[in-house]
Amino acid sequence: MSEICDKCGLPKDLCVCEVLAKEKQKIKIKTVERSYGKKMTIVEGLNKNDVNIKELATKLKSSLACGGTLKDGIIELQGNHKEKVKQWLVKFGFNADTIEVQ
């Protein structure tokens, strides 16, 4: 017998909580310049209680073939990948209207 989701009460294989949470996220993507002129792409605004941010960071790093880290709920990716990150987030199920590229 499958486990039951605490939020919606459905079995884990039918649970839609994460899908609904992805549609509500207000994500901001921006680029900052670090020491020695290196660019970093910052992805912030993700709610770590609703979305598995660690898994998302791993997917983004492997999809973009770049390094990066996860600090305090903010994903930092090496390089300037603003538009590519938005495309990948849409592919991962996030709503394109709620993603702001600065």
PDB file of N, CA and C in Angstrom:
ATOM      1  N   MET A   1       0.845  -1.178   0.000  1.00  0.00           N
ATOM      2  CA  MET A   1       0.000   0.000   0.000  1.00  0.00           C
ATOM      3  C   MET A   1       0.891   1.242   0.000  1.00  0.00           C
ATOM      4  N   SER A   2       0.527   2.237  -0.762  1.00  0.00           N
ATOM      5  CA  SER A   2       1.348   3.431  -0.891  1.00  0.00           C
ATOM      6  C   SER A   2       1.107   4.383   0.284  1.00  0.00           C
ATOM      7  N   GLU A   3       2.066   5.285   0.482  1.00  0.00           N
ATOM      8  CA  GLU A   3       1.976   6.258   1.559  1.00  0.00           C
ATOM      9  C   GLU A   3       0.975   7.355   1.195  1.00  0.00           C
ATOM     10  N   ILE A   4       0.471   8.032   2.208  1.00  0.00           N
ATOM     11  CA  ILE A   4      -0.508   9.096   2.026  1.00  0.00           C
ATOM     12  C   ILE A   4       0.191  10.451   2.217  1.00  0.00           C
ATOM     13  N   CYS A   5      -0.098  11.405   1.347  1.00  0.00           N
ATOM     14  CA  CYS A   5       0.454  12.755   1.451  1.00  0.00           C
ATOM     15  C   CYS A   5      -0.187  13.473   2.636  1.00  0.00           C
ATOM     16  N   ASP A   6       0.641  14.167   3.421  1.00  0.00           N
ATOM     17  CA  ASP A   6       0.133  14.881   4.591  1.00  0.00           C
ATOM     18  C   ASP A   6      -0.696  16.108   4.211  1.00  0.00           C
ATOM     19  N   LYS A   7      -0.386  16.731   3.075  1.00  0.00           N
ATOM     20  CA  LYS A   7      -1.055  17.978   2.691  1.00  0.00           C
ATOM     21  C   LYS A   7      -2.419  17.740   2.054  1.00  0.00           C
ATOM     22  N   CYS A   8      -2.454  16.847   1.042  1.00  0.00           N
ATOM     23  CA  CYS A   8      -3.695  16.696   0.279  1.00  0.00           C
ATOM     24  C   CYS A   8      -4.482  15.431   0.631  1.00  0.00           C
ATOM     25  N   GLY A   9      -3.858  14.463   1.301  1.00  0.00           N
ATOM     26  CA  GLY A   9      -4.558  13.245   1.678  1.00  0.00           C
ATOM     27  C   GLY A   9      -4.633  12.196   0.586  1.00  0.00           C
ATOM     28  N   LEU A  10      -4.014  12.458  -0.552  1.00  0.00           N
ATOM     29  CA  LEU A  10      -3.990  11.488  -1.648  1.00  0.00           C
ATOM     30  C   LEU A  10      -2.783  10.579  -1.503  1.00  0.00           C
ATOM     31  N   PRO A  11      -2.809   9.405  -2.148  1.00  0.00           N
ATOM     32  CA  PRO A  11      -1.604   8.568  -2.156  1.00  0.00           C
ATOM     33  C   PRO A  11      -0.450   9.306  -2.821  1.00  0.00           C
ATOM     34  N   LYS A  12       0.782   9.020  -2.384  1.00  0.00           N
ATOM     35  CA  LYS A  12       1.965   9.743  -2.864  1.00  0.00           C
ATOM     36  C   LYS A  12       2.099   9.696  -4.387  1.00  0.00           C
ATOM     37  N   ASP A  13       1.727   8.576  -5.029  1.00  0.00           N
ATOM     38  CA  ASP A  13       1.864   8.485  -6.486  1.00  0.00           C
ATOM     39  C   ASP A  13       0.824   9.329  -7.226  1.00  0.00           C
ATOM     40  N   LEU A  14      -0.255   9.758  -6.564  1.00  0.00           N
ATOM     41  CA  LEU A  14      -1.270  10.617  -7.176  1.00  0.00           C
ATOM     42  C   LEU A  14      -1.211  12.058  -6.666  1.00  0.00           C
ATOM     43  N   CYS A  15      -0.311  12.347  -5.751  1.00  0.00           N
ATOM     44  CA  CYS A  15      -0.226  13.660  -5.113  1.00  0.00           C
ATOM     45  C   CYS A  15       0.142  14.737  -6.135  1.00  0.00           C
ATOM     46  N   VAL A  16      -0.541  15.870  -6.053  1.00  0.00           N
ATOM     47  CA  VAL A  16      -0.298  16.987  -6.959  1.00  0.00           C
ATOM     48  C   VAL A  16       0.165  18.236  -6.207  1.00  0.00           C
ATOM     49  N   CYS A  17       0.546  18.094  -4.959  1.00  0.00           N
ATOM     50  CA  CYS A  17       0.938  19.249  -4.137  1.00  0.00           C
ATOM     51  C   CYS A  17       2.128  19.992  -4.741  1.00  0.00           C
ATOM     52  N   GLU A  18       3.143  19.262  -5.188  1.00  0.00           N
ATOM     53  CA  GLU A  18       4.326  19.926  -5.733  1.00  0.00           C
ATOM     54  C   GLU A  18       4.008  20.605  -7.065  1.00  0.00           C
ATOM     55  N   VAL A  19       3.150  20.020  -7.866  1.00  0.00           N
ATOM     56  CA  VAL A  19       2.759  20.634  -9.141  1.00  0.00           C
ATOM     57  C   VAL A  19       2.028  21.948  -8.885  1.00  0.00           C
ATOM     58  N   LEU A  20       1.114  21.959  -7.932  1.00  0.00           N
ATOM     59  CA  LEU A  20       0.389  23.184  -7.596  1.00  0.00           C
ATOM     60  C   LEU A  20       1.317  24.226  -6.991  1.00  0.00           C
ATOM     61  N   ALA A  21       2.275  23.783  -6.191  1.00  0.00           N
ATOM     62  CA  ALA A  21       3.220  24.710  -5.569  1.00  0.00           C
ATOM     63  C   ALA A  21       4.120  25.356  -6.617  1.00  0.00           C
ATOM     64  N   LYS A  22       4.484  24.610  -7.652  1.00  0.00           N
ATOM     65  CA  LYS A  22       5.337  25.155  -8.709  1.00  0.00           C
ATOM     66  C   LYS A  22       4.642  26.290  -9.452  1.00  0.00           C
ATOM     67  N   GLU A  23       3.336  26.205  -9.602  1.00  0.00           N
ATOM     68  CA  GLU A  23       2.595  27.236 -10.325  1.00  0.00           C
ATOM     69  C   GLU A  23       2.475  28.529  -9.532  1.00  0.00           C
ATOM     70  N   LYS A  24       2.608  28.472  -8.206  1.00  0.00           N
ATOM     71  CA  LYS A  24       2.440  29.643  -7.354  1.00  0.00           C
ATOM     72  C   LYS A  24       3.742  30.383  -7.062  1.00  0.00           C
ATOM     73  N   GLN A  25       4.883  29.830  -7.408  1.00  0.00           N
ATOM     74  CA  GLN A  25       6.180  30.413  -7.068  1.00  0.00           C
ATOM     75  C   GLN A  25       6.417  31.725  -7.808  1.00  0.00           C
ATOM     76  N   LYS A  26       6.979  32.714  -7.128  1.00  0.00           N
ATOM     77  CA  LYS A  26       7.398  33.990  -7.719  1.00  0.00           C
ATOM     78  C   LYS A  26       8.921  33.959  -7.799  1.00  0.00           C
ATOM     79  N   ILE A  27       9.448  33.564  -8.936  1.00  0.00           N
ATOM     80  CA  ILE A  27      10.879  33.333  -9.095  1.00  0.00           C
ATOM     81  C   ILE A  27      11.535  34.536  -9.752  1.00  0.00           C
ATOM     82  N   LYS A  28      12.681  34.936  -9.218  1.00  0.00           N
ATOM     83  CA  LYS A  28      13.474  36.020  -9.800  1.00  0.00           C
ATOM     84  C   LYS A  28      14.825  35.455 -10.213  1.00  0.00           C
ATOM     85  N   ILE A  29      15.227  35.770 -11.437  1.00  0.00           N
ATOM     86  CA  ILE A  29      16.512  35.326 -11.965  1.00  0.00           C
ATOM     87  C   ILE A  29      17.325  36.573 -12.299  1.00  0.00           C
ATOM     88  N   LYS A  30      18.518  36.654 -11.776  1.00  0.00           N
ATOM     89  CA  LYS A  30      19.375  37.808 -12.061  1.00  0.00           C
ATOM     90  C   LYS A  30      20.825  37.365 -12.143  1.00  0.00           C
ATOM     91  N   THR A  31      21.658  38.237 -12.691  1.00  0.00           N
ATOM     92  CA  THR A  31      23.087  37.967 -12.806  1.00  0.00           C
ATOM     93  C   THR A  31      23.834  38.987 -11.964  1.00  0.00           C
ATOM     94  N   VAL A  32      24.808  38.513 -11.207  1.00  0.00           N
ATOM     95  CA  VAL A  32      25.672  39.394 -10.425  1.00  0.00           C
ATOM     96  C   VAL A  32      27.118  39.106 -10.805  1.00  0.00           C
ATOM     97  N   GLU A  33      27.949  40.102 -10.595  1.00  0.00           N
ATOM     98  CA  GLU A  33      29.363  39.944 -10.913  1.00  0.00           C
ATOM     99  C   GLU A  33      30.124  39.736  -9.611  1.00  0.00           C
ATOM    100  N   ARG A  34      30.877  38.656  -9.558  1.00  0.00           N
ATOM    101  CA  ARG A  34      31.668  38.334  -8.377  1.00  0.00           C
ATOM    102  C   ARG A  34      33.102  38.779  -8.591  1.00  0.00           C
ATOM    103  N   SER A  35      33.947  38.386  -7.690  1.00  0.00           N
ATOM    104  CA  SER A  35      35.350  38.802  -7.770  1.00  0.00           C
ATOM    105  C   SER A  35      35.993  38.312  -9.063  1.00  0.00           C
ATOM    106  N   TYR A  36      36.944  39.072  -9.530  1.00  0.00           N
ATOM    107  CA  TYR A  36      37.684  38.795 -10.766  1.00  0.00           C
ATOM    108  C   TYR A  36      36.786  38.805 -11.993  1.00  0.00           C
ATOM    109  N   GLY A  37      35.645  39.480 -11.925  1.00  0.00           N
ATOM    110  CA  GLY A  37      34.774  39.643 -13.083  1.00  0.00           C
ATOM    111  C   GLY A  37      33.956  38.416 -13.449  1.00  0.00           C
ATOM    112  N   LYS A  38      33.866  37.454 -12.562  1.00  0.00           N
ATOM    113  CA  LYS A  38      33.092  36.231 -12.844  1.00  0.00           C
ATOM    114  C   LYS A  38      31.601  36.502 -12.673  1.00  0.00           C
ATOM    115  N   LYS A  39      30.795  36.003 -13.596  1.00  0.00           N
ATOM    116  CA  LYS A  39      29.342  36.163 -13.547  1.00  0.00           C
ATOM    117  C   LYS A  39      28.722  34.983 -12.805  1.00  0.00           C
ATOM    118  N   MET A  40      27.681  35.283 -12.023  1.00  0.00           N
ATOM    119  CA  MET A  40      26.905  34.262 -11.321  1.00  0.00           C
ATOM    120  C   MET A  40      25.432  34.518 -11.610  1.00  0.00           C
ATOM    121  N   THR A  41      24.700  33.479 -11.924  1.00  0.00           N
ATOM    122  CA  THR A  41      23.265  33.582 -12.116  1.00  0.00           C
ATOM    123  C   THR A  41      22.599  33.185 -10.806  1.00  0.00           C
ATOM    124  N   ILE A  42      21.737  34.052 -10.297  1.00  0.00           N
ATOM    125  CA  ILE A  42      21.061  33.836  -9.021  1.00  0.00           C
ATOM    126  C   ILE A  42      19.590  33.536  -9.281  1.00  0.00           C
ATOM    127  N   VAL A  43      19.084  32.445  -8.688  1.00  0.00           N
ATOM    128  CA  VAL A  43      17.675  32.069  -8.788  1.00  0.00           C
ATOM    129  C   VAL A  43      17.113  32.121  -7.377  1.00  0.00           C
ATOM    130  N   GLU A  44      16.198  33.064  -7.134  1.00  0.00           N
ATOM    131  CA  GLU A  44      15.645  33.220  -5.791  1.00  0.00           C
ATOM    132  C   GLU A  44      14.128  33.306  -5.839  1.00  0.00           C
ATOM    133  N   GLY A  45      13.522  33.175  -4.683  1.00  0.00           N
ATOM    134  CA  GLY A  45      12.063  33.253  -4.588  1.00  0.00           C
ATOM    135  C   GLY A  45      11.392  31.896  -4.517  1.00  0.00           C
ATOM    136  N   LEU A  46      12.178  30.836  -4.456  1.00  0.00           N
ATOM    137  CA  LEU A  46      11.612  29.492  -4.349  1.00  0.00           C
ATOM    138  C   LEU A  46      11.301  29.189  -2.891  1.00  0.00           C
ATOM    139  N   ASN A  47      10.142  28.628  -2.627  1.00  0.00           N
ATOM    140  CA  ASN A  47       9.752  28.255  -1.278  1.00  0.00           C
ATOM    141  C   ASN A  47      10.263  26.847  -1.005  1.00  0.00           C
ATOM    142  N   LYS A  48      11.208  26.731  -0.077  1.00  0.00           N
ATOM    143  CA  LYS A  48      11.828  25.425   0.171  1.00  0.00           C
ATOM    144  C   LYS A  48      10.884  24.438   0.837  1.00  0.00           C
ATOM    145  N   ASN A  49       9.749  24.902   1.355  1.00  0.00           N
ATOM    146  CA  ASN A  49       8.775  23.989   1.944  1.00  0.00           C
ATOM    147  C   ASN A  49       7.895  23.331   0.884  1.00  0.00           C
ATOM    148  N   ASP A  50       7.739  23.984  -0.260  1.00  0.00           N
ATOM    149  CA  ASP A  50       6.862  23.473  -1.313  1.00  0.00           C
ATOM    150  C   ASP A  50       7.599  22.737  -2.421  1.00  0.00           C
ATOM    151  N   VAL A  51       8.854  23.141  -2.700  1.00  0.00           N
ATOM    152  CA  VAL A  51       9.613  22.581  -3.820  1.00  0.00           C
ATOM    153  C   VAL A  51      10.932  22.035  -3.294  1.00  0.00           C
ATOM    154  N   ASN A  52      11.354  20.913  -3.847  1.00  0.00           N
ATOM    155  CA  ASN A  52      12.647  20.341  -3.471  1.00  0.00           C
ATOM    156  C   ASN A  52      13.741  21.137  -4.186  1.00  0.00           C
ATOM    157  N   ILE A  53      14.280  22.147  -3.500  1.00  0.00           N
ATOM    158  CA  ILE A  53      15.241  23.057  -4.118  1.00  0.00           C
ATOM    159  C   ILE A  53      16.562  22.357  -4.396  1.00  0.00           C
ATOM    160  N   LYS A  54      16.956  21.435  -3.542  1.00  0.00           N
ATOM    161  CA  LYS A  54      18.222  20.728  -3.744  1.00  0.00           C
ATOM    162  C   LYS A  54      18.185  19.925  -5.040  1.00  0.00           C
ATOM    163  N   GLU A  55      17.085  19.238  -5.277  1.00  0.00           N
ATOM    164  CA  GLU A  55      16.926  18.461  -6.510  1.00  0.00           C
ATOM    165  C   GLU A  55      16.870  19.381  -7.732  1.00  0.00           C
ATOM    166  N   LEU A  56      16.179  20.527  -7.584  1.00  0.00           N
ATOM    167  CA  LEU A  56      16.088  21.492  -8.678  1.00  0.00           C
ATOM    168  C   LEU A  56      17.459  22.068  -9.025  1.00  0.00           C
ATOM    169  N   ALA A  57      18.260  22.388  -8.016  1.00  0.00           N
ATOM    170  CA  ALA A  57      19.608  22.914  -8.252  1.00  0.00           C
ATOM    171  C   ALA A  57      20.463  21.890  -8.986  1.00  0.00           C
ATOM    172  N   THR A  58      20.358  20.641  -8.599  1.00  0.00           N
ATOM    173  CA  THR A  58      21.112  19.585  -9.267  1.00  0.00           C
ATOM    174  C   THR A  58      20.690  19.441 -10.726  1.00  0.00           C
ATOM    175  N   LYS A  59      19.389  19.495 -10.996  1.00  0.00           N
ATOM    176  CA  LYS A  59      18.890  19.405 -12.368  1.00  0.00           C
ATOM    177  C   LYS A  59      19.373  20.578 -13.212  1.00  0.00           C
ATOM    178  N   LEU A  60      19.338  21.789 -12.643  1.00  0.00           N
ATOM    179  CA  LEU A  60      19.787  22.966 -13.388  1.00  0.00           C
ATOM    180  C   LEU A  60      21.275  22.884 -13.692  1.00  0.00           C
ATOM    181  N   LYS A  61      22.072  22.489 -12.720  1.00  0.00           N
ATOM    182  CA  LYS A  61      23.515  22.408 -12.941  1.00  0.00           C
ATOM    183  C   LYS A  61      23.853  21.383 -14.018  1.00  0.00           C
ATOM    184  N   SER A  62      23.182  20.250 -14.005  1.00  0.00           N
ATOM    185  CA  SER A  62      23.485  19.238 -15.019  1.00  0.00           C
ATOM    186  C   SER A  62      22.928  19.640 -16.387  1.00  0.00           C
ATOM    187  N   SER A  63      21.778  20.283 -16.431  1.00  0.00           N
ATOM    188  CA  SER A  63      21.185  20.713 -17.700  1.00  0.00           C
ATOM    189  C   SER A  63      21.991  21.822 -18.363  1.00  0.00           C
ATOM    190  N   LEU A  64      22.555  22.726 -17.553  1.00  0.00           N
ATOM    191  CA  LEU A  64      23.311  23.856 -18.078  1.00  0.00           C
ATOM    192  C   LEU A  64      24.814  23.578 -18.156  1.00  0.00           C
ATOM    193  N   ALA A  65      25.235  22.430 -17.675  1.00  0.00           N
ATOM    194  CA  ALA A  65      26.651  22.033 -17.678  1.00  0.00           C
ATOM    195  C   ALA A  65      27.515  23.103 -17.006  1.00  0.00           C
ATOM    196  N   CYS A  66      27.106  23.462 -15.781  1.00  0.00           N
ATOM    197  CA  CYS A  66      27.860  24.469 -15.030  1.00  0.00           C
ATOM    198  C   CYS A  66      27.906  24.062 -13.566  1.00  0.00           C
ATOM    199  N   GLY A  67      28.772  24.710 -12.846  1.00  0.00           N
ATOM    200  CA  GLY A  67      28.851  24.487 -11.417  1.00  0.00           C
ATOM    201  C   GLY A  67      27.887  25.409 -10.706  1.00  0.00           C
ATOM    202  N   GLY A  68      27.729  25.180  -9.435  1.00  0.00           N
ATOM    203  CA  GLY A  68      26.855  26.045  -8.669  1.00  0.00           C
ATOM    204  C   GLY A  68      26.679  25.521  -7.269  1.00  0.00           C
ATOM    205  N   THR A  69      25.863  26.230  -6.506  1.00  0.00           N
ATOM    206  CA  THR A  69      25.623  25.853  -5.122  1.00  0.00           C
ATOM    207  C   THR A  69      24.230  26.293  -4.699  1.00  0.00           C
ATOM    208  N   LEU A  70      23.834  25.836  -3.528  1.00  0.00           N
ATOM    209  CA  LEU A  70      22.565  26.194  -2.927  1.00  0.00           C
ATOM    210  C   LEU A  70      22.862  26.798  -1.565  1.00  0.00           C
ATOM    211  N   LYS A  71      22.512  28.078  -1.376  1.00  0.00           N
ATOM    212  CA  LYS A  71      22.765  28.766  -0.111  1.00  0.00           C
ATOM    213  C   LYS A  71      21.490  29.452   0.359  1.00  0.00           C
ATOM    214  N   ASP A  72      21.010  29.077   1.520  1.00  0.00           N
ATOM    215  CA  ASP A  72      19.851  29.727   2.144  1.00  0.00           C
ATOM    216  C   ASP A  72      18.644  29.804   1.217  1.00  0.00           C
ATOM    217  N   GLY A  73      18.376  28.763   0.474  1.00  0.00           N
ATOM    218  CA  GLY A  73      17.220  28.734  -0.416  1.00  0.00           C
ATOM    219  C   GLY A  73      17.414  29.475  -1.724  1.00  0.00           C
ATOM    220  N   ILE A  74      18.648  29.899  -2.011  1.00  0.00           N
ATOM    221  CA  ILE A  74      18.962  30.611  -3.250  1.00  0.00           C
ATOM    222  C   ILE A  74      19.920  29.751  -4.062  1.00  0.00           C
ATOM    223  N   ILE A  75      19.597  29.535  -5.326  1.00  0.00           N
ATOM    224  CA  ILE A  75      20.458  28.751  -6.209  1.00  0.00           C
ATOM    225  C   ILE A  75      21.425  29.691  -6.905  1.00  0.00           C
ATOM    226  N   GLU A  76      22.719  29.396  -6.817  1.00  0.00           N
ATOM    227  CA  GLU A  76      23.757  30.178  -7.481  1.00  0.00           C
ATOM    228  C   GLU A  76      24.415  29.301  -8.533  1.00  0.00           C
ATOM    229  N   LEU A  77      24.397  29.773  -9.780  1.00  0.00           N
ATOM    230  CA  LEU A  77      24.989  29.024 -10.894  1.00  0.00           C
ATOM    231  C   LEU A  77      26.135  29.824 -11.479  1.00  0.00           C
ATOM    232  N   GLN A  78      27.200  29.146 -11.821  1.00  0.00           N
ATOM    233  CA  GLN A  78      28.357  29.824 -12.397  1.00  0.00           C
ATOM    234  C   GLN A  78      28.077  30.169 -13.849  1.00  0.00           C
ATOM    235  N   GLY A  79      28.301  31.445 -14.215  1.00  0.00           N
ATOM    236  CA  GLY A  79      28.100  31.888 -15.590  1.00  0.00           C
ATOM    237  C   GLY A  79      26.809  32.671 -15.744  1.00  0.00           C
ATOM    238  N   ASN A  80      26.623  33.233 -16.931  1.00  0.00           N
ATOM    239  CA  ASN A  80      25.434  34.011 -17.254  1.00  0.00           C
ATOM    240  C   ASN A  80      24.452  33.106 -17.998  1.00  0.00           C
ATOM    241  N   HIS A  81      23.437  32.617 -17.290  1.00  0.00           N
ATOM    242  CA  HIS A  81      22.478  31.663 -17.866  1.00  0.00           C
ATOM    243  C   HIS A  81      21.037  32.114 -17.657  1.00  0.00           C
ATOM    244  N   LYS A  82      20.780  33.417 -17.619  1.00  0.00           N
ATOM    245  CA  LYS A  82      19.445  33.912 -17.258  1.00  0.00           C
ATOM    246  C   LYS A  82      18.339  33.334 -18.133  1.00  0.00           C
ATOM    247  N   GLU A  83      18.462  33.456 -19.438  1.00  0.00           N
ATOM    248  CA  GLU A  83      17.396  32.998 -20.337  1.00  0.00           C
ATOM    249  C   GLU A  83      17.295  31.474 -20.362  1.00  0.00           C
ATOM    250  N   LYS A  84      18.430  30.809 -20.311  1.00  0.00           N
ATOM    251  CA  LYS A  84      18.420  29.344 -20.304  1.00  0.00           C
ATOM    252  C   LYS A  84      17.768  28.801 -19.037  1.00  0.00           C
ATOM    253  N   VAL A  85      18.025  29.453 -17.897  1.00  0.00           N
ATOM    254  CA  VAL A  85      17.429  29.011 -16.644  1.00  0.00           C
ATOM    255  C   VAL A  85      15.912  29.129 -16.720  1.00  0.00           C
ATOM    256  N   LYS A  86      15.414  30.217 -17.280  1.00  0.00           N
ATOM    257  CA  LYS A  86      13.958  30.383 -17.416  1.00  0.00           C
ATOM    258  C   LYS A  86      13.372  29.273 -18.278  1.00  0.00           C
ATOM    259  N   GLN A  87      14.029  28.967 -19.395  1.00  0.00           N
ATOM    260  CA  GLN A  87      13.543  27.897 -20.274  1.00  0.00           C
ATOM    261  C   GLN A  87      13.506  26.558 -19.540  1.00  0.00           C
ATOM    262  N   TRP A  88      14.542  26.262 -18.784  1.00  0.00           N
ATOM    263  CA  TRP A  88      14.593  24.996 -18.061  1.00  0.00           C
ATOM    264  C   TRP A  88      13.561  24.947 -16.942  1.00  0.00           C
ATOM    265  N   LEU A  89      13.348  26.054 -16.251  1.00  0.00           N
ATOM    266  CA  LEU A  89      12.336  26.070 -15.189  1.00  0.00           C
ATOM    267  C   LEU A  89      10.949  25.814 -15.759  1.00  0.00           C
ATOM    268  N   VAL A  90      10.669  26.364 -16.935  1.00  0.00           N
ATOM    269  CA  VAL A  90       9.383  26.101 -17.586  1.00  0.00           C
ATOM    270  C   VAL A  90       9.274  24.622 -17.945  1.00  0.00           C
ATOM    271  N   LYS A  91      10.361  24.033 -18.427  1.00  0.00           N
ATOM    272  CA  LYS A  91      10.354  22.599 -18.745  1.00  0.00           C
ATOM    273  C   LYS A  91      10.141  21.748 -17.500  1.00  0.00           C
ATOM    274  N   PHE A  92      10.627  22.228 -16.343  1.00  0.00           N
ATOM    275  CA  PHE A  92      10.475  21.492 -15.087  1.00  0.00           C
ATOM    276  C   PHE A  92       9.108  21.695 -14.452  1.00  0.00           C
ATOM    277  N   GLY A  93       8.221  22.506 -15.085  1.00  0.00           N
ATOM    278  CA  GLY A  93       6.849  22.628 -14.616  1.00  0.00           C
ATOM    279  C   GLY A  93       6.492  23.936 -13.948  1.00  0.00           C
ATOM    280  N   PHE A  94       7.380  24.898 -13.925  1.00  0.00           N
ATOM    281  CA  PHE A  94       7.070  26.193 -13.331  1.00  0.00           C
ATOM    282  C   PHE A  94       6.333  27.053 -14.352  1.00  0.00           C
ATOM    283  N   ASN A  95       5.514  27.975 -13.859  1.00  0.00           N
ATOM    284  CA  ASN A  95       4.722  28.846 -14.714  1.00  0.00           C
ATOM    285  C   ASN A  95       5.604  29.974 -15.262  1.00  0.00           C
ATOM    286  N   ALA A  96       5.632  30.154 -16.571  1.00  0.00           N
ATOM    287  CA  ALA A  96       6.487  31.163 -17.203  1.00  0.00           C
ATOM    288  C   ALA A  96       6.084  32.589 -16.816  1.00  0.00           C
ATOM    289  N   ASP A  97       4.809  32.806 -16.495  1.00  0.00           N
ATOM    290  CA  ASP A  97       4.354  34.147 -16.137  1.00  0.00           C
ATOM    291  C   ASP A  97       4.865  34.589 -14.777  1.00  0.00           C
ATOM    292  N   THR A  98       5.221  33.660 -13.912  1.00  0.00           N
ATOM    293  CA  THR A  98       5.678  34.014 -12.570  1.00  0.00           C
ATOM    294  C   THR A  98       7.206  34.070 -12.461  1.00  0.00           C
ATOM    295  N   ILE A  99       7.896  33.869 -13.578  1.00  0.00           N
ATOM    296  CA  ILE A  99       9.370  33.930 -13.576  1.00  0.00           C
ATOM    297  C   ILE A  99       9.788  35.290 -14.114  1.00  0.00           C
ATOM    298  N   GLU A 100      10.512  36.044 -13.301  1.00  0.00           N
ATOM    299  CA  GLU A 100      10.972  37.382 -13.682  1.00  0.00           C
ATOM    300  C   GLU A 100      12.475  37.344 -13.904  1.00  0.00           C
ATOM    301  N   VAL A 101      12.886  37.748 -15.107  1.00  0.00           N
ATOM    302  CA  VAL A 101      14.308  37.826 -15.437  1.00  0.00           C
ATOM    303  C   VAL A 101      14.724  39.286 -15.342  1.00  0.00           C
ATOM    304  N   GLN A 102      15.682  39.563 -14.487  1.00  0.00           N
ATOM    305  CA  GLN A 102      16.135  40.948 -14.289  1.00  0.00           C
ATOM    306  C   GLN A 102      17.419  41.212 -14.995  1.00  0.00           C
TER     307      GLN A 102
END
